[in-house]
Every structure is written in C-alpha cells, then in structure tokens.
Amino acid sequence: MNVLIDTNVAIDVLVQREPFFEHSQLVLLASEKKYINGFISASSITDIFYITRKFTKDKASTYHLVKKHLMATVGIASVDGDIISKALDAQWNDFEDCVQYFVSERISADFIVTRNPNDFKNSSIKVVTPEELLNIIVSD
C-alpha cells in the first residue's frame, strides 16, 4: 500500500514531539520494514529540515536526522511544474496541503497520513491519522 506521509508526522518523529511521537514513529517504522510504501513529498523536506533545526538548534544533528532517520525509511516523491500548476488551479485554502494531495495522486497513494485530516477535506484519497493507519496495517 502506498502512503504519503505528511510533514507533521515526519517532524513528530525527528523532534520526538509528544504526545504524537509514538504513533508517528510506528508509521515510519512500518515504512522502513516495508509493511507500507511510505513517501514524503520532495517539497516537504525543506520544511522538515527547517522546523527540525529550530527544535534541535544544531545543524549537524539536523542533517543526520533527516538523512539517516528519514531518508533511509521513506521514498521521496517528486514535485514538478505539473503538480504545482494543478495545486494553483485547485486553489485550496492551504497551498502546501494541496501540493501534498497532488503528489499523493501521482504516487497512487492509498492513504495520506497526517495529524490534521481536516486540512485535506477536498481529497478523494482517504486521509487518516497515524493511529488509524496503524490499525489498518494491523487488520490487513
């Protein structure tokens, strides 16, 4: 199953943000162990790096976290002009979430996993929280 992992889920893991860390970490572990095909959009990596660095206050550890703990567990889904054009045309309230949605379409995602499902109310792809995704994986 292909799953687009939203920015907030990845950040929860890298900065061990409570009370979200445990379920988010299990989602990334499911990707690492190939229970799911987890992806993060290329456009999210810059936001993930920026926010993680603000938490760690250490550039070297941020590079390490992103490269060794994130990039090693998920695939990176490309963002190109076509994705950006579709997102601009769709005019969602949140442009970043709209880009995430069109990336999800491109990778034929079965799910978008996020802590903010309401941000994707226009999505035709099923949107779940980390905990909901874990329940789906266990029941399969």
N, C-alpha and C. Protein backbone atom coordinates (compact mmCIF):
# COMPACT_ATOMS: atom_id res chain seq x y z
N MET A 1 0.85 -1.17 0.00
CA MET A 1 0.00 0.00 0.00
C MET A 1 0.89 1.24 0.00
N ASN A 2 0.58 2.20 -0.86
CA ASN A 2 1.33 3.45 -0.95
C ASN A 2 0.71 4.49 -0.02
N VAL A 3 1.56 5.14 0.75
CA VAL A 3 1.10 6.11 1.74
C VAL A 3 1.95 7.36 1.65
N LEU A 4 1.29 8.51 1.49
CA LEU A 4 2.01 9.77 1.58
C LEU A 4 2.01 10.20 3.04
N ILE A 5 3.18 10.42 3.58
CA ILE A 5 3.35 10.82 4.98
C ILE A 5 3.47 12.32 5.02
N ASP A 6 2.55 12.97 5.71
CA ASP A 6 2.52 14.42 5.77
C ASP A 6 3.69 14.95 6.61
N THR A 7 4.01 16.18 6.37
CA THR A 7 5.14 16.86 7.02
C THR A 7 5.08 16.74 8.53
N ASN A 8 3.91 16.95 9.11
CA ASN A 8 3.81 16.96 10.58
C ASN A 8 4.15 15.61 11.19
N VAL A 9 3.85 14.53 10.49
CA VAL A 9 4.16 13.20 11.01
C VAL A 9 5.67 12.98 11.06
N ALA A 10 6.35 13.38 10.00
CA ALA A 10 7.82 13.23 9.98
C ALA A 10 8.47 14.09 11.06
N ILE A 11 8.01 15.31 11.21
CA ILE A 11 8.58 16.20 12.23
C ILE A 11 8.35 15.64 13.63
N ASP A 12 7.16 15.09 13.87
CA ASP A 12 6.87 14.49 15.18
C ASP A 12 7.93 13.47 15.56
N VAL A 13 8.39 12.70 14.58
CA VAL A 13 9.38 11.66 14.86
C VAL A 13 10.76 12.29 15.07
N LEU A 14 11.17 13.16 14.18
CA LEU A 14 12.53 13.70 14.24
C LEU A 14 12.78 14.52 15.50
N VAL A 15 11.75 15.21 15.99
CA VAL A 15 11.95 16.04 17.19
C VAL A 15 11.32 15.40 18.43
N GLN A 16 10.82 14.17 18.25
CA GLN A 16 10.19 13.42 19.34
C GLN A 16 9.11 14.26 20.03
N ARG A 17 8.24 14.82 19.20
CA ARG A 17 7.18 15.71 19.69
C ARG A 17 6.06 14.89 20.33
N GLU A 18 5.84 15.13 21.59
CA GLU A 18 4.78 14.45 22.35
C GLU A 18 3.50 15.29 22.30
N PRO A 19 2.37 14.65 22.31
CA PRO A 19 2.11 13.23 22.53
C PRO A 19 2.01 12.44 21.21
N PHE A 20 2.56 12.96 20.14
CA PHE A 20 2.38 12.39 18.81
C PHE A 20 3.49 11.41 18.39
N PHE A 21 4.60 11.44 19.11
CA PHE A 21 5.79 10.71 18.70
C PHE A 21 5.55 9.21 18.47
N GLU A 22 4.93 8.54 19.40
CA GLU A 22 4.83 7.08 19.35
C GLU A 22 4.15 6.58 18.07
N HIS A 23 2.97 7.08 17.78
CA HIS A 23 2.24 6.61 16.59
C HIS A 23 2.95 7.02 15.30
N SER A 24 3.47 8.23 15.28
CA SER A 24 4.19 8.69 14.09
C SER A 24 5.44 7.85 13.85
N GLN A 25 6.15 7.54 14.91
CA GLN A 25 7.35 6.71 14.79
C GLN A 25 7.00 5.32 14.25
N LEU A 26 5.88 4.77 14.69
CA LEU A 26 5.46 3.46 14.20
C LEU A 26 5.10 3.49 12.71
N VAL A 27 4.57 4.63 12.24
CA VAL A 27 4.30 4.77 10.81
C VAL A 27 5.61 4.72 10.02
N LEU A 28 6.61 5.47 10.47
CA LEU A 28 7.90 5.43 9.78
C LEU A 28 8.55 4.05 9.88
N LEU A 29 8.39 3.40 11.00
CA LEU A 29 8.92 2.04 11.15
C LEU A 29 8.21 1.09 10.19
N ALA A 30 6.90 1.26 10.01
CA ALA A 30 6.15 0.42 9.05
C ALA A 30 6.69 0.63 7.64
N SER A 31 7.11 1.84 7.32
CA SER A 31 7.71 2.12 6.02
C SER A 31 9.09 1.46 5.92
N GLU A 32 9.87 1.63 6.97
CA GLU A 32 11.21 1.04 6.97
C GLU A 32 11.16 -0.48 6.82
N LYS A 33 10.20 -1.11 7.49
CA LYS A 33 10.07 -2.58 7.45
C LYS A 33 9.26 -3.05 6.24
N LYS A 34 8.85 -2.11 5.39
CA LYS A 34 8.14 -2.40 4.13
C LYS A 34 6.74 -2.98 4.33
N TYR A 35 6.11 -2.67 5.48
CA TYR A 35 4.70 -3.00 5.63
C TYR A 35 3.86 -2.06 4.78
N ILE A 36 4.41 -0.86 4.54
CA ILE A 36 3.80 0.12 3.64
C ILE A 36 4.92 0.68 2.76
N ASN A 37 4.53 1.28 1.65
CA ASN A 37 5.46 2.05 0.83
C ASN A 37 5.25 3.51 1.21
N GLY A 38 6.05 3.98 2.15
CA GLY A 38 5.90 5.34 2.65
C GLY A 38 6.66 6.34 1.79
N PHE A 39 6.03 7.46 1.53
CA PHE A 39 6.63 8.53 0.74
C PHE A 39 6.45 9.86 1.44
N ILE A 40 7.41 10.74 1.23
CA ILE A 40 7.30 12.14 1.63
C ILE A 40 7.55 12.96 0.38
N SER A 41 6.79 14.02 0.21
CA SER A 41 6.99 14.84 -0.99
C SER A 41 8.30 15.60 -0.87
N ALA A 42 8.96 15.75 -2.01
CA ALA A 42 10.24 16.46 -2.04
C ALA A 42 10.10 17.88 -1.48
N SER A 43 8.96 18.49 -1.73
CA SER A 43 8.77 19.86 -1.24
C SER A 43 8.68 19.94 0.28
N SER A 44 8.35 18.84 0.92
CA SER A 44 8.26 18.83 2.38
C SER A 44 9.61 18.76 3.06
N ILE A 45 10.61 18.25 2.38
CA ILE A 45 11.91 18.05 3.01
C ILE A 45 12.49 19.38 3.51
N THR A 46 12.33 20.45 2.75
CA THR A 46 12.87 21.74 3.20
C THR A 46 12.16 22.21 4.48
N ASP A 47 10.84 22.04 4.53
CA ASP A 47 10.10 22.42 5.74
C ASP A 47 10.50 21.55 6.92
N ILE A 48 10.64 20.25 6.67
CA ILE A 48 11.03 19.33 7.73
C ILE A 48 12.40 19.70 8.28
N PHE A 49 13.33 19.99 7.37
CA PHE A 49 14.68 20.37 7.81
C PHE A 49 14.63 21.66 8.63
N TYR A 50 13.93 22.67 8.14
CA TYR A 50 13.86 23.97 8.81
C TYR A 50 13.27 23.85 10.22
N ILE A 51 12.14 23.15 10.32
CA ILE A 51 11.47 23.04 11.62
C ILE A 51 12.28 22.17 12.58
N THR A 52 12.85 21.09 12.07
CA THR A 52 13.67 20.22 12.92
C THR A 52 14.89 20.98 13.44
N ARG A 53 15.49 21.78 12.58
CA ARG A 53 16.66 22.56 13.04
C ARG A 53 16.27 23.55 14.13
N LYS A 54 15.09 24.14 14.03
CA LYS A 54 14.63 25.05 15.08
C LYS A 54 14.53 24.33 16.42
N PHE A 55 14.10 23.06 16.38
CA PHE A 55 13.98 22.28 17.61
C PHE A 55 15.34 21.85 18.14
N THR A 56 16.20 21.34 17.25
CA THR A 56 17.48 20.80 17.70
C THR A 56 18.51 21.89 17.98
N LYS A 57 18.35 23.04 17.28
CA LYS A 57 19.32 24.15 17.38
C LYS A 57 20.73 23.70 17.00
N ASP A 58 20.80 22.66 16.16
CA ASP A 58 22.09 22.10 15.77
C ASP A 58 22.00 21.61 14.33
N LYS A 59 22.70 22.29 13.44
CA LYS A 59 22.64 21.96 12.02
C LYS A 59 23.15 20.55 11.74
N ALA A 60 24.25 20.17 12.35
CA ALA A 60 24.82 18.84 12.09
C ALA A 60 23.86 17.72 12.49
N SER A 61 23.25 17.85 13.64
CA SER A 61 22.32 16.79 14.06
C SER A 61 21.07 16.78 13.19
N THR A 62 20.68 17.95 12.70
CA THR A 62 19.52 18.00 11.81
C THR A 62 19.82 17.29 10.50
N TYR A 63 21.00 17.54 9.93
CA TYR A 63 21.39 16.82 8.71
C TYR A 63 21.37 15.31 8.97
N HIS A 64 21.91 14.91 10.10
CA HIS A 64 21.95 13.48 10.44
C HIS A 64 20.53 12.91 10.56
N LEU A 65 19.66 13.59 11.28
CA LEU A 65 18.29 13.11 11.48
C LEU A 65 17.56 12.96 10.15
N VAL A 66 17.67 13.98 9.31
CA VAL A 66 16.94 13.94 8.04
C VAL A 66 17.52 12.87 7.12
N LYS A 67 18.83 12.80 7.03
CA LYS A 67 19.44 11.86 6.11
C LYS A 67 19.37 10.42 6.61
N LYS A 68 19.73 10.18 7.83
CA LYS A 68 19.84 8.81 8.34
C LYS A 68 18.53 8.25 8.89
N HIS A 69 17.66 9.11 9.42
CA HIS A 69 16.45 8.60 10.06
C HIS A 69 15.20 8.80 9.21
N LEU A 70 15.23 9.72 8.29
CA LEU A 70 14.05 9.94 7.46
C LEU A 70 14.27 9.39 6.05
N MET A 71 15.31 9.86 5.39
CA MET A 71 15.56 9.45 4.01
C MET A 71 15.82 7.95 3.90
N ALA A 72 16.27 7.34 4.96
CA ALA A 72 16.54 5.90 4.93
C ALA A 72 15.26 5.07 5.09
N THR A 73 14.16 5.71 5.47
CA THR A 73 12.94 4.95 5.75
C THR A 73 11.80 5.21 4.78
N VAL A 74 11.88 6.27 3.99
CA VAL A 74 10.79 6.62 3.07
C VAL A 74 11.33 6.92 1.68
N GLY A 75 10.44 6.83 0.72
CA GLY A 75 10.77 7.28 -0.62
C GLY A 75 10.46 8.76 -0.74
N ILE A 76 11.11 9.42 -1.66
CA ILE A 76 10.86 10.84 -1.89
C ILE A 76 10.06 10.97 -3.19
N ALA A 77 8.88 11.54 -3.09
CA ALA A 77 8.01 11.73 -4.24
C ALA A 77 8.28 13.10 -4.84
N SER A 78 8.51 13.11 -6.14
CA SER A 78 8.90 14.36 -6.80
C SER A 78 7.75 15.35 -6.89
N VAL A 79 8.14 16.61 -6.93
CA VAL A 79 7.21 17.72 -7.14
C VAL A 79 7.74 18.48 -8.34
N ASP A 80 6.90 18.60 -9.36
CA ASP A 80 7.34 19.29 -10.56
C ASP A 80 6.32 20.37 -10.94
N GLY A 81 6.55 20.97 -12.10
CA GLY A 81 5.68 22.05 -12.55
C GLY A 81 4.24 21.63 -12.71
N ASP A 82 4.01 20.40 -13.14
CA ASP A 82 2.65 19.91 -13.32
C ASP A 82 1.91 19.85 -11.98
N ILE A 83 2.58 19.34 -10.96
CA ILE A 83 1.98 19.28 -9.60
C ILE A 83 1.67 20.69 -9.11
N ILE A 84 2.62 21.59 -9.24
CA ILE A 84 2.42 22.97 -8.78
C ILE A 84 1.28 23.63 -9.53
N SER A 85 1.22 23.42 -10.84
CA SER A 85 0.15 24.01 -11.66
C SER A 85 -1.22 23.49 -11.23
N LYS A 86 -1.32 22.18 -10.99
CA LYS A 86 -2.59 21.61 -10.53
C LYS A 86 -3.00 22.20 -9.18
N ALA A 87 -2.02 22.34 -8.28
CA ALA A 87 -2.32 22.89 -6.95
C ALA A 87 -2.76 24.35 -7.05
N LEU A 88 -2.11 25.11 -7.92
CA LEU A 88 -2.52 26.51 -8.11
C LEU A 88 -3.93 26.58 -8.69
N ASP A 89 -4.24 25.72 -9.64
CA ASP A 89 -5.57 25.72 -10.24
C ASP A 89 -6.65 25.30 -9.25
N ALA A 90 -6.32 24.38 -8.35
CA ALA A 90 -7.31 23.87 -7.39
C ALA A 90 -7.68 24.90 -6.33
N GLN A 91 -6.75 25.77 -5.99
CA GLN A 91 -6.99 26.88 -5.05
C GLN A 91 -7.57 26.43 -3.70
N TRP A 92 -6.97 25.42 -3.10
CA TRP A 92 -7.36 25.04 -1.74
C TRP A 92 -6.99 26.16 -0.79
N ASN A 93 -7.55 26.12 0.40
CA ASN A 93 -7.20 27.12 1.41
C ASN A 93 -5.72 27.06 1.76
N ASP A 94 -5.16 25.85 1.83
CA ASP A 94 -3.75 25.69 2.17
C ASP A 94 -3.02 25.11 0.96
N PHE A 95 -2.18 25.93 0.35
CA PHE A 95 -1.47 25.53 -0.86
C PHE A 95 -0.58 24.31 -0.63
N GLU A 96 0.15 24.28 0.49
CA GLU A 96 1.04 23.16 0.78
C GLU A 96 0.28 21.84 0.82
N ASP A 97 -0.88 21.84 1.49
CA ASP A 97 -1.68 20.62 1.57
C ASP A 97 -2.19 20.21 0.19
N CYS A 98 -2.50 21.18 -0.64
CA CYS A 98 -2.94 20.87 -2.00
C CYS A 98 -1.81 20.23 -2.81
N VAL A 99 -0.59 20.74 -2.65
CA VAL A 99 0.56 20.11 -3.31
C VAL A 99 0.70 18.67 -2.81
N GLN A 100 0.57 18.47 -1.51
CA GLN A 100 0.65 17.12 -0.94
C GLN A 100 -0.39 16.20 -1.59
N TYR A 101 -1.59 16.72 -1.77
CA TYR A 101 -2.66 15.93 -2.36
C TYR A 101 -2.29 15.48 -3.78
N PHE A 102 -1.81 16.42 -4.60
CA PHE A 102 -1.49 16.06 -5.99
C PHE A 102 -0.26 15.14 -6.07
N VAL A 103 0.65 15.26 -5.13
CA VAL A 103 1.75 14.31 -5.04
C VAL A 103 1.18 12.92 -4.71
N SER A 104 0.22 12.89 -3.81
CA SER A 104 -0.43 11.62 -3.45
C SER A 104 -1.08 10.96 -4.66
N GLU A 105 -1.74 11.77 -5.47
CA GLU A 105 -2.32 11.23 -6.70
C GLU A 105 -1.24 10.64 -7.60
N ARG A 106 -0.15 11.37 -7.75
CA ARG A 106 0.92 10.93 -8.65
C ARG A 106 1.49 9.57 -8.23
N ILE A 107 1.63 9.35 -6.92
CA ILE A 107 2.20 8.08 -6.46
C ILE A 107 1.15 7.00 -6.26
N SER A 108 -0.08 7.31 -6.67
CA SER A 108 -1.20 6.36 -6.49
C SER A 108 -1.35 5.96 -5.03
N ALA A 109 -1.33 6.96 -4.16
CA ALA A 109 -1.42 6.70 -2.73
C ALA A 109 -2.78 6.12 -2.37
N ASP A 110 -2.74 5.15 -1.50
CA ASP A 110 -3.97 4.61 -0.93
C ASP A 110 -4.44 5.47 0.23
N PHE A 111 -3.46 6.11 0.90
CA PHE A 111 -3.77 6.94 2.06
C PHE A 111 -2.82 8.12 2.13
N ILE A 112 -3.32 9.20 2.71
CA ILE A 112 -2.49 10.30 3.19
C ILE A 112 -2.55 10.20 4.71
N VAL A 113 -1.39 10.13 5.35
CA VAL A 113 -1.37 10.05 6.81
C VAL A 113 -0.91 11.39 7.36
N THR A 114 -1.73 11.95 8.23
CA THR A 114 -1.50 13.28 8.79
C THR A 114 -2.16 13.38 10.15
N ARG A 115 -1.68 14.32 10.94
CA ARG A 115 -2.37 14.60 12.20
C ARG A 115 -3.51 15.59 11.99
N ASN A 116 -3.60 16.15 10.79
CA ASN A 116 -4.61 17.18 10.51
C ASN A 116 -5.50 16.77 9.33
N PRO A 117 -6.34 15.76 9.52
CA PRO A 117 -7.19 15.29 8.41
C PRO A 117 -8.09 16.37 7.82
N ASN A 118 -8.52 17.31 8.63
CA ASN A 118 -9.40 18.37 8.12
C ASN A 118 -8.73 19.24 7.07
N ASP A 119 -7.39 19.26 7.04
CA ASP A 119 -6.67 20.03 6.03
C ASP A 119 -6.85 19.44 4.64
N PHE A 120 -7.33 18.21 4.56
CA PHE A 120 -7.47 17.52 3.29
C PHE A 120 -8.93 17.19 2.98
N LYS A 121 -9.84 18.06 3.39
CA LYS A 121 -11.26 17.77 3.22
C LYS A 121 -11.67 17.68 1.75
N ASN A 122 -10.88 18.23 0.84
CA ASN A 122 -11.17 18.14 -0.60
C ASN A 122 -10.53 16.91 -1.25
N SER A 123 -9.91 16.07 -0.49
CA SER A 123 -9.16 14.93 -1.02
C SER A 123 -10.09 13.78 -1.41
N SER A 124 -9.82 13.21 -2.56
CA SER A 124 -10.53 11.98 -2.94
C SER A 124 -9.74 10.75 -2.47
N ILE A 125 -8.54 10.98 -1.96
CA ILE A 125 -7.72 9.92 -1.38
C ILE A 125 -8.04 9.85 0.11
N LYS A 126 -8.17 8.66 0.64
CA LYS A 126 -8.51 8.50 2.06
C LYS A 126 -7.42 9.13 2.93
N VAL A 127 -7.85 9.93 3.89
CA VAL A 127 -6.95 10.63 4.80
C VAL A 127 -7.15 10.05 6.20
N VAL A 128 -6.03 9.65 6.81
CA VAL A 128 -6.08 9.01 8.12
C VAL A 128 -5.02 9.60 9.05
N THR A 129 -5.24 9.43 10.32
CA THR A 129 -4.24 9.80 11.32
C THR A 129 -3.22 8.66 11.42
N PRO A 130 -2.07 8.92 12.04
CA PRO A 130 -1.12 7.82 12.25
C PRO A 130 -1.74 6.63 12.97
N GLU A 131 -2.51 6.88 14.00
CA GLU A 131 -3.13 5.79 14.75
C GLU A 131 -4.10 4.99 13.87
N GLU A 132 -4.87 5.69 13.05
CA GLU A 132 -5.80 4.99 12.15
C GLU A 132 -5.04 4.13 11.13
N LEU A 133 -3.96 4.67 10.60
CA LEU A 133 -3.17 3.90 9.64
C LEU A 133 -2.61 2.63 10.29
N LEU A 134 -2.12 2.76 11.50
CA LEU A 134 -1.57 1.60 12.20
C LEU A 134 -2.64 0.53 12.39
N ASN A 135 -3.86 0.94 12.69
CA ASN A 135 -4.96 -0.02 12.83
C ASN A 135 -5.27 -0.71 11.51
N ILE A 136 -5.16 0.03 10.41
CA ILE A 136 -5.40 -0.55 9.08
C ILE A 136 -4.31 -1.58 8.78
N ILE A 137 -3.06 -1.23 9.07
CA ILE A 137 -1.94 -2.15 8.81
C ILE A 137 -2.10 -3.44 9.60
N VAL A 138 -2.47 -3.31 10.86
CA VAL A 138 -2.63 -4.48 11.73
C VAL A 138 -3.78 -5.37 11.25
N SER A 139 -4.83 -4.77 10.73
CA SER A 139 -6.00 -5.55 10.32
C SER A 139 -5.82 -6.23 8.96
N ASP A 140 -4.81 -5.81 8.20
CA ASP A 140 -4.57 -6.43 6.88
C ASP A 140 -3.87 -7.76 6.98
